[in-house]
Amino acid sequence: MNNEERRHNTRIPAEFIVNYIHDGDYVISLSKDISADGMFIHTDNPPPVGDTPTLVFSIGALHDVSVLSQVMWVNTRDNGLDRGMGVQFLNIPDKLRETVLRIVNKVAVFDPEDKSVN
């Protein structure tokens, strides 16, 4: 089973600054995508799978939201894929989940690739 099959919620492209705290280090990175369950974060030196970094980011009208996450997978190789980590949110506040779902649903409804809509 691959990462796409394990996800419960749709991910949408979303690029914004994500800071994370891990082992006392404060790292500034960029997101690639987000869902109500987690996100992908571009970073050259991600923590190992299973680690639990705290993420701090702003999205929509929410600023400097702090969320505990768990690293689910990492890519540190130059293999044509994005370098970084896929994380799952562990303690997502209700307001953040609602904001992310609202953004995801808005983007999912407007799908420029969907040829079935005239």
PDB file of N, CA and C in Angstrom:
ATOM      1  N   MET A   1       0.859  -1.172   0.000  1.00  0.00           N
ATOM      2  CA  MET A   1       0.000   0.000   0.000  1.00  0.00           C
ATOM      3  C   MET A   1       0.905   1.235   0.000  1.00  0.00           C
ATOM      4  N   ASN A   2       0.661   2.182  -0.931  1.00  0.00           N
ATOM      5  CA  ASN A   2       1.496   3.380  -0.997  1.00  0.00           C
ATOM      6  C   ASN A   2       0.882   4.514  -0.185  1.00  0.00           C
ATOM      7  N   ASN A   3       1.588   5.649  -0.141  1.00  0.00           N
ATOM      8  CA  ASN A   3       1.129   6.786   0.666  1.00  0.00           C
ATOM      9  C   ASN A   3      -0.249   7.271   0.246  1.00  0.00           C
ATOM     10  N   GLU A   4      -0.518   7.310  -1.065  1.00  0.00           N
ATOM     11  CA  GLU A   4      -1.815   7.780  -1.547  1.00  0.00           C
ATOM     12  C   GLU A   4      -2.945   6.891  -1.037  1.00  0.00           C
ATOM     13  N   GLU A   5      -2.723   5.567  -1.010  1.00  0.00           N
ATOM     14  CA  GLU A   5      -3.765   4.647  -0.589  1.00  0.00           C
ATOM     15  C   GLU A   5      -4.042   4.741   0.911  1.00  0.00           C
ATOM     16  N   ARG A   6      -3.047   5.154   1.696  1.00  0.00           N
ATOM     17  CA  ARG A   6      -3.219   5.247   3.143  1.00  0.00           C
ATOM     18  C   ARG A   6      -3.911   6.536   3.562  1.00  0.00           C
ATOM     19  N   ARG A   7      -3.934   7.537   2.713  1.00  0.00           N
ATOM     20  CA  ARG A   7      -4.519   8.829   3.075  1.00  0.00           C
ATOM     21  C   ARG A   7      -6.034   8.735   3.097  1.00  0.00           C
ATOM     22  N   HIS A   8      -6.608   9.427   4.077  1.00  0.00           N
ATOM     23  CA  HIS A   8      -8.061   9.446   4.206  1.00  0.00           C
ATOM     24  C   HIS A   8      -8.657  10.704   3.591  1.00  0.00           C
ATOM     25  N   ASN A   9      -7.887  11.778   3.521  1.00  0.00           N
ATOM     26  CA  ASN A   9      -8.380  13.051   3.005  1.00  0.00           C
ATOM     27  C   ASN A   9      -7.554  13.500   1.818  1.00  0.00           C
ATOM     28  N   THR A  10      -8.206  14.225   0.921  1.00  0.00           N
ATOM     29  CA  THR A  10      -7.559  14.751  -0.274  1.00  0.00           C
ATOM     30  C   THR A  10      -6.515  15.789   0.096  1.00  0.00           C
ATOM     31  N   ARG A  11      -5.363  15.704  -0.568  1.00  0.00           N
ATOM     32  CA  ARG A  11      -4.333  16.731  -0.405  1.00  0.00           C
ATOM     33  C   ARG A  11      -4.413  17.678  -1.582  1.00  0.00           C
ATOM     34  N   ILE A  12      -4.185  18.957  -1.300  1.00  0.00           N
ATOM     35  CA  ILE A  12      -4.160  19.966  -2.351  1.00  0.00           C
ATOM     36  C   ILE A  12      -2.801  20.659  -2.333  1.00  0.00           C
ATOM     37  N   PRO A  13      -2.351  21.134  -3.490  1.00  0.00           N
ATOM     38  CA  PRO A  13      -1.104  21.907  -3.504  1.00  0.00           C
ATOM     39  C   PRO A  13      -1.266  23.154  -2.645  1.00  0.00           C
ATOM     40  N   ALA A  14      -0.275  23.422  -1.820  1.00  0.00           N
ATOM     41  CA  ALA A  14      -0.311  24.601  -0.947  1.00  0.00           C
ATOM     42  C   ALA A  14       1.109  24.923  -0.523  1.00  0.00           C
ATOM     43  N   GLU A  15       1.607  26.060  -0.979  1.00  0.00           N
ATOM     44  CA  GLU A  15       2.969  26.445  -0.618  1.00  0.00           C
ATOM     45  C   GLU A  15       2.934  27.605   0.361  1.00  0.00           C
ATOM     46  N   PHE A  16       3.442  27.340   1.564  1.00  0.00           N
ATOM     47  CA  PHE A  16       3.541  28.376   2.582  1.00  0.00           C
ATOM     48  C   PHE A  16       4.661  27.996   3.545  1.00  0.00           C
ATOM     49  N   ILE A  17       5.115  28.956   4.324  1.00  0.00           N
ATOM     50  CA  ILE A  17       6.216  28.718   5.254  1.00  0.00           C
ATOM     51  C   ILE A  17       5.743  27.844   6.417  1.00  0.00           C
ATOM     52  N   VAL A  18       6.539  26.832   6.710  1.00  0.00           N
ATOM     53  CA  VAL A  18       6.290  25.950   7.846  1.00  0.00           C
ATOM     54  C   VAL A  18       7.575  25.904   8.669  1.00  0.00           C
ATOM     55  N   ASN A  19       7.474  26.268   9.907  1.00  0.00           N
ATOM     56  CA  ASN A  19       8.600  26.142  10.825  1.00  0.00           C
ATOM     57  C   ASN A  19       8.359  24.889  11.648  1.00  0.00           C
ATOM     58  N   TYR A  20       9.429  24.168  11.911  1.00  0.00           N
ATOM     59  CA  TYR A  20       9.246  23.033  12.808  1.00  0.00           C
ATOM     60  C   TYR A  20      10.381  22.968  13.803  1.00  0.00           C
ATOM     61  N   ILE A  21      10.033  22.463  14.948  1.00  0.00           N
ATOM     62  CA  ILE A  21      10.971  22.344  16.050  1.00  0.00           C
ATOM     63  C   ILE A  21      11.234  20.857  16.257  1.00  0.00           C
ATOM     64  N   HIS A  22      12.511  20.502  16.186  1.00  0.00           N
ATOM     65  CA  HIS A  22      12.871  19.108  16.367  1.00  0.00           C
ATOM     66  C   HIS A  22      14.224  19.031  17.056  1.00  0.00           C
ATOM     67  N   ASP A  23      14.291  18.295  18.146  1.00  0.00           N
ATOM     68  CA  ASP A  23      15.537  18.148  18.921  1.00  0.00           C
ATOM     69  C   ASP A  23      16.162  19.491  19.257  1.00  0.00           C
ATOM     70  N   GLY A  24      15.319  20.470  19.586  1.00  0.00           N
ATOM     71  CA  GLY A  24      15.805  21.784  19.972  1.00  0.00           C
ATOM     72  C   GLY A  24      16.192  22.690  18.821  1.00  0.00           C
ATOM     73  N   ASP A  25      16.147  22.183  17.592  1.00  0.00           N
ATOM     74  CA  ASP A  25      16.465  23.001  16.419  1.00  0.00           C
ATOM     75  C   ASP A  25      15.195  23.583  15.830  1.00  0.00           C
ATOM     76  N   TYR A  26      15.282  24.832  15.395  1.00  0.00           N
ATOM     77  CA  TYR A  26      14.161  25.539  14.768  1.00  0.00           C
ATOM     78  C   TYR A  26      14.470  25.614  13.279  1.00  0.00           C
ATOM     79  N   VAL A  27      13.670  24.969  12.446  1.00  0.00           N
ATOM     80  CA  VAL A  27      13.934  24.867  11.016  1.00  0.00           C
ATOM     81  C   VAL A  27      12.814  25.558  10.242  1.00  0.00           C
ATOM     82  N   ILE A  28      13.197  26.374   9.258  1.00  0.00           N
ATOM     83  CA  ILE A  28      12.224  27.050   8.397  1.00  0.00           C
ATOM     84  C   ILE A  28      12.178  26.307   7.066  1.00  0.00           C
ATOM     85  N   SER A  29      10.985  25.882   6.667  1.00  0.00           N
ATOM     86  CA  SER A  29      10.801  25.109   5.447  1.00  0.00           C
ATOM     87  C   SER A  29       9.582  25.612   4.691  1.00  0.00           C
ATOM     88  N   LEU A  30       9.247  24.922   3.603  1.00  0.00           N
ATOM     89  CA  LEU A  30       8.056  25.227   2.809  1.00  0.00           C
ATOM     90  C   LEU A  30       7.202  23.980   2.675  1.00  0.00           C
ATOM     91  N   SER A  31       5.888  24.173   2.693  1.00  0.00           N
ATOM     92  CA  SER A  31       4.983  23.058   2.438  1.00  0.00           C
ATOM     93  C   SER A  31       4.883  22.836   0.937  1.00  0.00           C
ATOM     94  N   LYS A  32       4.420  21.662   0.557  1.00  0.00           N
ATOM     95  CA  LYS A  32       4.117  21.360  -0.845  1.00  0.00           C
ATOM     96  C   LYS A  32       2.616  21.146  -0.999  1.00  0.00           C
ATOM     97  N   ASP A  33       2.029  20.436  -0.037  1.00  0.00           N
ATOM     98  CA  ASP A  33       0.593  20.167  -0.081  1.00  0.00           C
ATOM     99  C   ASP A  33       0.088  19.966   1.340  1.00  0.00           C
ATOM    100  N   ILE A  34      -1.252  19.975   1.467  1.00  0.00           N
ATOM    101  CA  ILE A  34      -1.858  19.842   2.789  1.00  0.00           C
ATOM    102  C   ILE A  34      -3.200  19.149   2.666  1.00  0.00           C
ATOM    103  N   SER A  35      -3.577  18.444   3.722  1.00  0.00           N
ATOM    104  CA  SER A  35      -4.919  17.876   3.867  1.00  0.00           C
ATOM    105  C   SER A  35      -5.316  18.064   5.321  1.00  0.00           C
ATOM    106  N   ALA A  36      -6.500  17.623   5.667  1.00  0.00           N
ATOM    107  CA  ALA A  36      -6.945  17.714   7.061  1.00  0.00           C
ATOM    108  C   ALA A  36      -6.153  16.765   7.959  1.00  0.00           C
ATOM    109  N   ASP A  37      -5.442  15.797   7.365  1.00  0.00           N
ATOM    110  CA  ASP A  37      -4.677  14.818   8.135  1.00  0.00           C
ATOM    111  C   ASP A  37      -3.187  15.137   8.257  1.00  0.00           C
ATOM    112  N   GLY A  38      -2.638  15.894   7.294  1.00  0.00           N
ATOM    113  CA  GLY A  38      -1.206  16.124   7.312  1.00  0.00           C
ATOM    114  C   GLY A  38      -0.743  16.957   6.139  1.00  0.00           C
ATOM    115  N   MET A  39       0.581  16.937   5.899  1.00  0.00           N
ATOM    116  CA  MET A  39       1.147  17.720   4.803  1.00  0.00           C
ATOM    117  C   MET A  39       2.502  17.159   4.418  1.00  0.00           C
ATOM    118  N   PHE A  40       2.977  17.623   3.262  1.00  0.00           N
ATOM    119  CA  PHE A  40       4.346  17.344   2.847  1.00  0.00           C
ATOM    120  C   PHE A  40       5.143  18.617   3.044  1.00  0.00           C
ATOM    121  N   ILE A  41       6.349  18.477   3.618  1.00  0.00           N
ATOM    122  CA  ILE A  41       7.203  19.626   3.885  1.00  0.00           C
ATOM    123  C   ILE A  41       8.533  19.427   3.181  1.00  0.00           C
ATOM    124  N   HIS A  42       8.899  20.411   2.344  1.00  0.00           N
ATOM    125  CA  HIS A  42      10.209  20.401   1.702  1.00  0.00           C
ATOM    126  C   HIS A  42      11.275  20.661   2.761  1.00  0.00           C
ATOM    127  N   THR A  43      12.248  19.788   2.866  1.00  0.00           N
ATOM    128  CA  THR A  43      13.381  19.993   3.769  1.00  0.00           C
ATOM    129  C   THR A  43      14.500  19.045   3.368  1.00  0.00           C
ATOM    130  N   ASP A  44      15.733  19.525   3.430  1.00  0.00           N
ATOM    131  CA  ASP A  44      16.876  18.693   3.048  1.00  0.00           C
ATOM    132  C   ASP A  44      17.256  17.679   4.125  1.00  0.00           C
ATOM    133  N   ASN A  45      16.960  17.969   5.372  1.00  0.00           N
ATOM    134  CA  ASN A  45      17.342  17.091   6.479  1.00  0.00           C
ATOM    135  C   ASN A  45      16.153  16.796   7.386  1.00  0.00           C
ATOM    136  N   PRO A  46      15.199  16.002   6.894  1.00  0.00           N
ATOM    137  CA  PRO A  46      14.024  15.714   7.727  1.00  0.00           C
ATOM    138  C   PRO A  46      14.376  14.801   8.893  1.00  0.00           C
ATOM    139  N   PRO A  47      13.599  14.914   9.968  1.00  0.00           N
ATOM    140  CA  PRO A  47      13.760  13.968  11.078  1.00  0.00           C
ATOM    141  C   PRO A  47      13.402  12.560  10.592  1.00  0.00           C
ATOM    142  N   PRO A  48      13.846  11.537  11.290  1.00  0.00           N
ATOM    143  CA  PRO A  48      13.527  10.171  10.870  1.00  0.00           C
ATOM    144  C   PRO A  48      12.037   9.830  11.040  1.00  0.00           C
ATOM    145  N   VAL A  49      11.613   8.828  10.291  1.00  0.00           N
ATOM    146  CA  VAL A  49      10.240   8.327  10.393  1.00  0.00           C
ATOM    147  C   VAL A  49       9.951   7.973  11.846  1.00  0.00           C
ATOM    148  N   GLY A  50       8.782   8.391  12.312  1.00  0.00           N
ATOM    149  CA  GLY A  50       8.360   8.113  13.683  1.00  0.00           C
ATOM    150  C   GLY A  50       8.586   9.276  14.633  1.00  0.00           C
ATOM    151  N   ASP A  51       9.511  10.187  14.281  1.00  0.00           N
ATOM    152  CA  ASP A  51       9.741  11.353  15.139  1.00  0.00           C
ATOM    153  C   ASP A  51       8.516  12.259  15.135  1.00  0.00           C
ATOM    154  N   THR A  52       8.415  13.119  16.148  1.00  0.00           N
ATOM    155  CA  THR A  52       7.231  13.954  16.324  1.00  0.00           C
ATOM    156  C   THR A  52       7.596  15.441  16.436  1.00  0.00           C
ATOM    157  N   PRO A  53       7.898  16.072  15.290  1.00  0.00           N
ATOM    158  CA  PRO A  53       8.194  17.505  15.338  1.00  0.00           C
ATOM    159  C   PRO A  53       6.924  18.331  15.549  1.00  0.00           C
ATOM    160  N   THR A  54       7.092  19.474  16.178  1.00  0.00           N
ATOM    161  CA  THR A  54       6.009  20.440  16.320  1.00  0.00           C
ATOM    162  C   THR A  54       6.093  21.403  15.142  1.00  0.00           C
ATOM    163  N   LEU A  55       4.993  21.555  14.419  1.00  0.00           N
ATOM    164  CA  LEU A  55       4.929  22.451  13.267  1.00  0.00           C
ATOM    165  C   LEU A  55       4.298  23.769  13.683  1.00  0.00           C
ATOM    166  N   VAL A  56       4.783  24.863  13.106  1.00  0.00           N
ATOM    167  CA  VAL A  56       4.182  26.174  13.322  1.00  0.00           C
ATOM    168  C   VAL A  56       4.006  26.811  11.956  1.00  0.00           C
ATOM    169  N   PHE A  57       2.754  27.169  11.605  1.00  0.00           N
ATOM    170  CA  PHE A  57       2.484  27.772  10.301  1.00  0.00           C
ATOM    171  C   PHE A  57       1.207  28.585  10.357  1.00  0.00           C
ATOM    172  N   SER A  58       0.988  29.354   9.311  1.00  0.00           N
ATOM    173  CA  SER A  58      -0.234  30.147   9.165  1.00  0.00           C
ATOM    174  C   SER A  58      -0.949  29.691   7.906  1.00  0.00           C
ATOM    175  N   ILE A  59      -2.268  29.616   7.981  1.00  0.00           N
ATOM    176  CA  ILE A  59      -3.077  29.242   6.824  1.00  0.00           C
ATOM    177  C   ILE A  59      -4.434  29.908   6.960  1.00  0.00           C
ATOM    178  N   GLY A  60      -4.931  30.457   5.859  1.00  0.00           N
ATOM    179  CA  GLY A  60      -6.191  31.180   5.920  1.00  0.00           C
ATOM    180  C   GLY A  60      -6.083  32.324   6.912  1.00  0.00           C
ATOM    181  N   ALA A  61      -7.067  32.454   7.770  1.00  0.00           N
ATOM    182  CA  ALA A  61      -7.071  33.515   8.781  1.00  0.00           C
ATOM    183  C   ALA A  61      -6.372  33.094  10.077  1.00  0.00           C
ATOM    184  N   LEU A  62      -5.843  31.881  10.118  1.00  0.00           N
ATOM    185  CA  LEU A  62      -5.169  31.377  11.310  1.00  0.00           C
ATOM    186  C   LEU A  62      -3.672  31.658  11.215  1.00  0.00           C
ATOM    187  N   HIS A  63      -3.111  32.248  12.261  1.00  0.00           N
ATOM    188  CA  HIS A  63      -1.699  32.616  12.253  1.00  0.00           C
ATOM    189  C   HIS A  63      -0.943  31.914  13.368  1.00  0.00           C
ATOM    190  N   ASP A  64       0.260  31.457  13.031  1.00  0.00           N
ATOM    191  CA  ASP A  64       1.156  30.817  13.997  1.00  0.00           C
ATOM    192  C   ASP A  64       0.492  29.679  14.778  1.00  0.00           C
ATOM    193  N   VAL A  65      -0.166  28.793  14.026  1.00  0.00           N
ATOM    194  CA  VAL A  65      -0.791  27.614  14.614  1.00  0.00           C
ATOM    195  C   VAL A  65       0.311  26.606  14.945  1.00  0.00           C
ATOM    196  N   SER A  66       0.254  26.014  16.105  1.00  0.00           N
ATOM    197  CA  SER A  66       1.228  25.010  16.531  1.00  0.00           C
ATOM    198  C   SER A  66       0.545  23.644  16.561  1.00  0.00           C
ATOM    199  N   VAL A  67       1.129  22.672  15.841  1.00  0.00           N
ATOM    200  CA  VAL A  67       0.531  21.342  15.737  1.00  0.00           C
ATOM    201  C   VAL A  67       1.617  20.285  15.906  1.00  0.00           C
ATOM    202  N   LEU A  68       1.379  19.335  16.775  1.00  0.00           N
ATOM    203  CA  LEU A  68       2.276  18.192  16.902  1.00  0.00           C
ATOM    204  C   LEU A  68       2.020  17.274  15.712  1.00  0.00           C
ATOM    205  N   SER A  69       3.085  16.742  15.130  1.00  0.00           N
ATOM    206  CA  SER A  69       2.937  15.855  13.980  1.00  0.00           C
ATOM    207  C   SER A  69       3.824  14.634  14.147  1.00  0.00           C
ATOM    208  N   GLN A  70       3.616  13.662  13.282  1.00  0.00           N
ATOM    209  CA  GLN A  70       4.480  12.489  13.255  1.00  0.00           C
ATOM    210  C   GLN A  70       4.987  12.310  11.834  1.00  0.00           C
ATOM    211  N   VAL A  71       6.293  12.098  11.696  1.00  0.00           N
ATOM    212  CA  VAL A  71       6.895  11.868  10.384  1.00  0.00           C
ATOM    213  C   VAL A  71       6.492  10.471   9.931  1.00  0.00           C
ATOM    214  N   MET A  72       5.805  10.408   8.782  1.00  0.00           N
ATOM    215  CA  MET A  72       5.314   9.133   8.264  1.00  0.00           C
ATOM    216  C   MET A  72       6.246   8.551   7.203  1.00  0.00           C
ATOM    217  N   TRP A  73       6.907   9.425   6.455  1.00  0.00           N
ATOM    218  CA  TRP A  73       7.868   8.982   5.438  1.00  0.00           C
ATOM    219  C   TRP A  73       8.793  10.142   5.093  1.00  0.00           C
ATOM    220  N   VAL A  74       9.972   9.815   4.595  1.00  0.00           N
ATOM    221  CA  VAL A  74      10.949  10.837   4.216  1.00  0.00           C
ATOM    222  C   VAL A  74      11.569  10.490   2.871  1.00  0.00           C
ATOM    223  N   ASN A  75      12.040  11.504   2.180  1.00  0.00           N
ATOM    224  CA  ASN A  75      12.836  11.328   0.974  1.00  0.00           C
ATOM    225  C   ASN A  75      14.033  12.259   1.086  1.00  0.00           C
ATOM    226  N   THR A  76      15.217  11.680   1.186  1.00  0.00           N
ATOM    227  CA  THR A  76      16.446  12.477   1.280  1.00  0.00           C
ATOM    228  C   THR A  76      17.333  12.280   0.061  1.00  0.00           C
ATOM    229  N   ARG A  77      16.860  11.527  -0.909  1.00  0.00           N
ATOM    230  CA  ARG A  77      17.660  11.240  -2.105  1.00  0.00           C
ATOM    231  C   ARG A  77      17.312  12.202  -3.235  1.00  0.00           C
ATOM    232  N   ASP A  78      18.263  12.397  -4.128  1.00  0.00           N
ATOM    233  CA  ASP A  78      18.018  13.164  -5.354  1.00  0.00           C
ATOM    234  C   ASP A  78      17.544  12.193  -6.429  1.00  0.00           C
ATOM    235  N   ASN A  79      16.301  11.742  -6.301  1.00  0.00           N
ATOM    236  CA  ASN A  79      15.768  10.726  -7.199  1.00  0.00           C
ATOM    237  C   ASN A  79      14.623  11.259  -8.053  1.00  0.00           C
ATOM    238  N   GLY A  80      14.575  12.563  -8.239  1.00  0.00           N
ATOM    239  CA  GLY A  80      13.518  13.156  -9.040  1.00  0.00           C
ATOM    240  C   GLY A  80      12.272  13.490  -8.236  1.00  0.00           C
ATOM    241  N   LEU A  81      12.188  12.983  -7.020  1.00  0.00           N
ATOM    242  CA  LEU A  81      11.065  13.313  -6.151  1.00  0.00           C
ATOM    243  C   LEU A  81      11.469  14.470  -5.255  1.00  0.00           C
ATOM    244  N   ASP A  82      10.483  15.124  -4.670  1.00  0.00           N
ATOM    245  CA  ASP A  82      10.776  16.224  -3.758  1.00  0.00           C
ATOM    246  C   ASP A  82      11.459  15.696  -2.501  1.00  0.00           C
ATOM    247  N   ARG A  83      12.501  16.396  -2.081  1.00  0.00           N
ATOM    248  CA  ARG A  83      13.172  16.049  -0.819  1.00  0.00           C
ATOM    249  C   ARG A  83      12.341  16.610   0.324  1.00  0.00           C
ATOM    250  N   GLY A  84      12.132  15.794   1.347  1.00  0.00           N
ATOM    251  CA  GLY A  84      11.370  16.273   2.485  1.00  0.00           C
ATOM    252  C   GLY A  84      10.693  15.149   3.231  1.00  0.00           C
ATOM    253  N   MET A  85       9.567  15.514   3.886  1.00  0.00           N
ATOM    254  CA  MET A  85       8.880  14.546   4.739  1.00  0.00           C
ATOM    255  C   MET A  85       7.366  14.698   4.642  1.00  0.00           C
ATOM    256  N   GLY A  86       6.700  13.573   4.714  1.00  0.00           N
ATOM    257  CA  GLY A  86       5.257  13.544   4.837  1.00  0.00           C
ATOM    258  C   GLY A  86       4.921  13.392   6.308  1.00  0.00           C
ATOM    259  N   VAL A  87       4.111  14.299   6.829  1.00  0.00           N
ATOM    260  CA  VAL A  87       3.762  14.239   8.249  1.00  0.00           C
ATOM    261  C   VAL A  87       2.255  14.091   8.423  1.00  0.00           C
ATOM    262  N   GLN A  88       1.890  13.450   9.512  1.00  0.00           N
ATOM    263  CA  GLN A  88       0.491  13.320   9.915  1.00  0.00           C
ATOM    264  C   GLN A  88       0.293  14.195  11.144  1.00  0.00           C
ATOM    265  N   PHE A  89      -0.781  14.983  11.152  1.00  0.00           N
ATOM    266  CA  PHE A  89      -1.093  15.802  12.322  1.00  0.00           C
ATOM    267  C   PHE A  89      -1.562  14.896  13.459  1.00  0.00           C
ATOM    268  N   LEU A  90      -1.096  15.173  14.676  1.00  0.00           N
ATOM    269  CA  LEU A  90      -1.487  14.364  15.834  1.00  0.00           C
ATOM    270  C   LEU A  90      -2.502  15.059  16.731  1.00  0.00           C
ATOM    271  N   ASN A  91      -2.444  16.372  16.810  1.00  0.00           N
ATOM    272  CA  ASN A  91      -3.356  17.082  17.722  1.00  0.00           C
ATOM    273  C   ASN A  91      -3.927  18.313  17.037  1.00  0.00           C
ATOM    274  N   ILE A  92      -4.475  18.127  15.856  1.00  0.00           N
ATOM    275  CA  ILE A  92      -4.952  19.263  15.065  1.00  0.00           C
ATOM    276  C   ILE A  92      -6.141  19.934  15.760  1.00  0.00           C
ATOM    277  N   PRO A  93      -6.017  21.233  16.042  1.00  0.00           N
ATOM    278  CA  PRO A  93      -7.145  21.958  16.647  1.00  0.00           C
ATOM    279  C   PRO A  93      -8.342  21.991  15.684  1.00  0.00           C
ATOM    280  N   ASP A  94      -9.545  21.999  16.237  1.00  0.00           N
ATOM    281  CA  ASP A  94     -10.762  21.989  15.414  1.00  0.00           C
ATOM    282  C   ASP A  94     -10.781  23.138  14.412  1.00  0.00           C
ATOM    283  N   LYS A  95     -10.386  24.349  14.839  1.00  0.00           N
ATOM    284  CA  LYS A  95     -10.414  25.495  13.924  1.00  0.00           C
ATOM    285  C   LYS A  95      -9.481  25.275  12.744  1.00  0.00           C
ATOM    286  N   LEU A  96      -8.319  24.664  12.978  1.00  0.00           N
ATOM    287  CA  LEU A  96      -7.383  24.404  11.885  1.00  0.00           C
ATOM    288  C   LEU A  96      -7.958  23.352  10.946  1.00  0.00           C
ATOM    289  N   ARG A  97      -8.506  22.276  11.498  1.00  0.00           N
ATOM    290  CA  ARG A  97      -9.106  21.231  10.655  1.00  0.00           C
ATOM    291  C   ARG A  97     -10.219  21.826   9.783  1.00  0.00           C
ATOM    292  N   GLU A  98     -11.077  22.653  10.379  1.00  0.00           N
ATOM    293  CA  GLU A  98     -12.162  23.285   9.621  1.00  0.00           C
ATOM    294  C   GLU A  98     -11.619  24.192   8.519  1.00  0.00           C
ATOM    295  N   THR A  99     -10.576  24.957   8.816  1.00  0.00           N
ATOM    296  CA  THR A  99      -9.981  25.846   7.819  1.00  0.00           C
ATOM    297  C   THR A  99      -9.384  25.052   6.676  1.00  0.00           C
ATOM    298  N   VAL A 100      -8.620  24.010   7.001  1.00  0.00           N
ATOM    299  CA  VAL A 100      -8.006  23.186   5.955  1.00  0.00           C
ATOM    300  C   VAL A 100      -9.083  22.512   5.117  1.00  0.00           C
ATOM    301  N   LEU A 101     -10.099  21.945   5.741  1.00  0.00           N
ATOM    302  CA  LEU A 101     -11.175  21.289   4.987  1.00  0.00           C
ATOM    303  C   LEU A 101     -11.903  22.271   4.076  1.00  0.00           C
ATOM    304  N   ARG A 102     -12.127  23.494   4.558  1.00  0.00           N
ATOM    305  CA  ARG A 102     -12.791  24.511   3.742  1.00  0.00           C
ATOM    306  C   ARG A 102     -11.939  24.831   2.503  1.00  0.00           C
ATOM    307  N   ILE A 103     -10.631  24.975   2.689  1.00  0.00           N
ATOM    308  CA  ILE A 103      -9.733  25.268   1.573  1.00  0.00           C
ATOM    309  C   ILE A 103      -9.658  24.085   0.614  1.00  0.00           C
ATOM    310  N   VAL A 104      -9.513  22.879   1.153  1.00  0.00           N
ATOM    311  CA  VAL A 104      -9.438  21.676   0.319  1.00  0.00           C
ATOM    312  C   VAL A 104     -10.716  21.509  -0.490  1.00  0.00           C
ATOM    313  N   ASN A 105     -11.869  21.673   0.155  1.00  0.00           N
ATOM    314  CA  ASN A 105     -13.145  21.511  -0.551  1.00  0.00           C
ATOM    315  C   ASN A 105     -13.338  22.578  -1.618  1.00  0.00           C
ATOM    316  N   LYS A 106     -12.898  23.787  -1.341  1.00  0.00           N
ATOM    317  CA  LYS A 106     -13.005  24.860  -2.324  1.00  0.00           C
ATOM    318  C   LYS A 106     -12.172  24.535  -3.559  1.00  0.00           C
ATOM    319  N   VAL A 107     -10.958  24.049  -3.350  1.00  0.00           N
ATOM    320  CA  VAL A 107     -10.085  23.700  -4.469  1.00  0.00           C
ATOM    321  C   VAL A 107     -10.608  22.462  -5.187  1.00  0.00           C
ATOM    322  N   ALA A 108     -11.102  21.470  -4.440  1.00  0.00           N
ATOM    323  CA  ALA A 108     -11.603  20.234  -5.051  1.00  0.00           C
ATOM    324  C   ALA A 108     -12.817  20.505  -5.932  1.00  0.00           C
ATOM    325  N   VAL A 109     -13.659  21.461  -5.550  1.00  0.00           N
ATOM    326  CA  VAL A 109     -14.838  21.788  -6.348  1.00  0.00           C
ATOM    327  C   VAL A 109     -14.419  22.451  -7.653  1.00  0.00           C
ATOM    328  N   PHE A 110     -13.396  23.288  -7.610  1.00  0.00           N
ATOM    329  CA  PHE A 110     -12.896  23.936  -8.811  1.00  0.00           C
ATOM    330  C   PHE A 110     -11.701  23.160  -9.327  1.00  0.00           C
ATOM    331  N   ASP A 111     -11.953  22.182 -10.175  1.00  0.00           N
ATOM    332  CA  ASP A 111     -10.903  21.348 -10.741  1.00  0.00           C
ATOM    333  C   ASP A 111     -10.788  21.674 -12.231  1.00  0.00           C
ATOM    334  N   PRO A 112      -9.774  22.468 -12.644  1.00  0.00           N
ATOM    335  CA  PRO A 112      -9.644  22.849 -14.051  1.00  0.00           C
ATOM    336  C   PRO A 112      -9.355  21.660 -14.960  1.00  0.00           C
ATOM    337  N   GLU A 113      -8.937  20.532 -14.415  1.00  0.00           N
ATOM    338  CA  GLU A 113      -8.661  19.328 -15.212  1.00  0.00           C
ATOM    339  C   GLU A 113      -9.930  18.507 -15.435  1.00  0.00           C
ATOM    340  N   ASP A 114     -10.982  18.807 -14.712  1.00  0.00           N
ATOM    341  CA  ASP A 114     -12.218  18.036 -14.815  1.00  0.00           C
ATOM    342  C   ASP A 114     -12.930  18.389 -16.110  1.00  0.00           C
ATOM    343  N   LYS A 115     -12.925  17.468 -17.062  1.00  0.00           N
ATOM    344  CA  LYS A 115     -13.523  17.694 -18.386  1.00  0.00           C
ATOM    345  C   LYS A 115     -15.016  17.402 -18.390  1.00  0.00           C
ATOM    346  N   SER A 116     -15.560  16.895 -17.274  1.00  0.00           N
ATOM    347  CA  SER A 116     -16.986  16.561 -17.257  1.00  0.00           C
ATOM    348  C   SER A 116     -17.861  17.784 -17.021  1.00  0.00           C
ATOM    349  N   VAL A 117     -17.258  18.899 -16.600  1.00  0.00           N
ATOM    350  CA  VAL A 117     -18.017  20.112 -16.358  1.00  0.00           C
ATOM    351  C   VAL A 117     -17.957  20.979 -17.609  1.00  0.00           C
ATOM    352  N   ASN A 118     -19.115  21.388 -18.101  1.00  0.00           N
ATOM    353  CA  ASN A 118     -19.158  22.238 -19.323  1.00  0.00           C
ATOM    354  C   ASN A 118     -19.218  23.686 -18.975  1.00  0.00           C
TER     355      ASN A 118
END
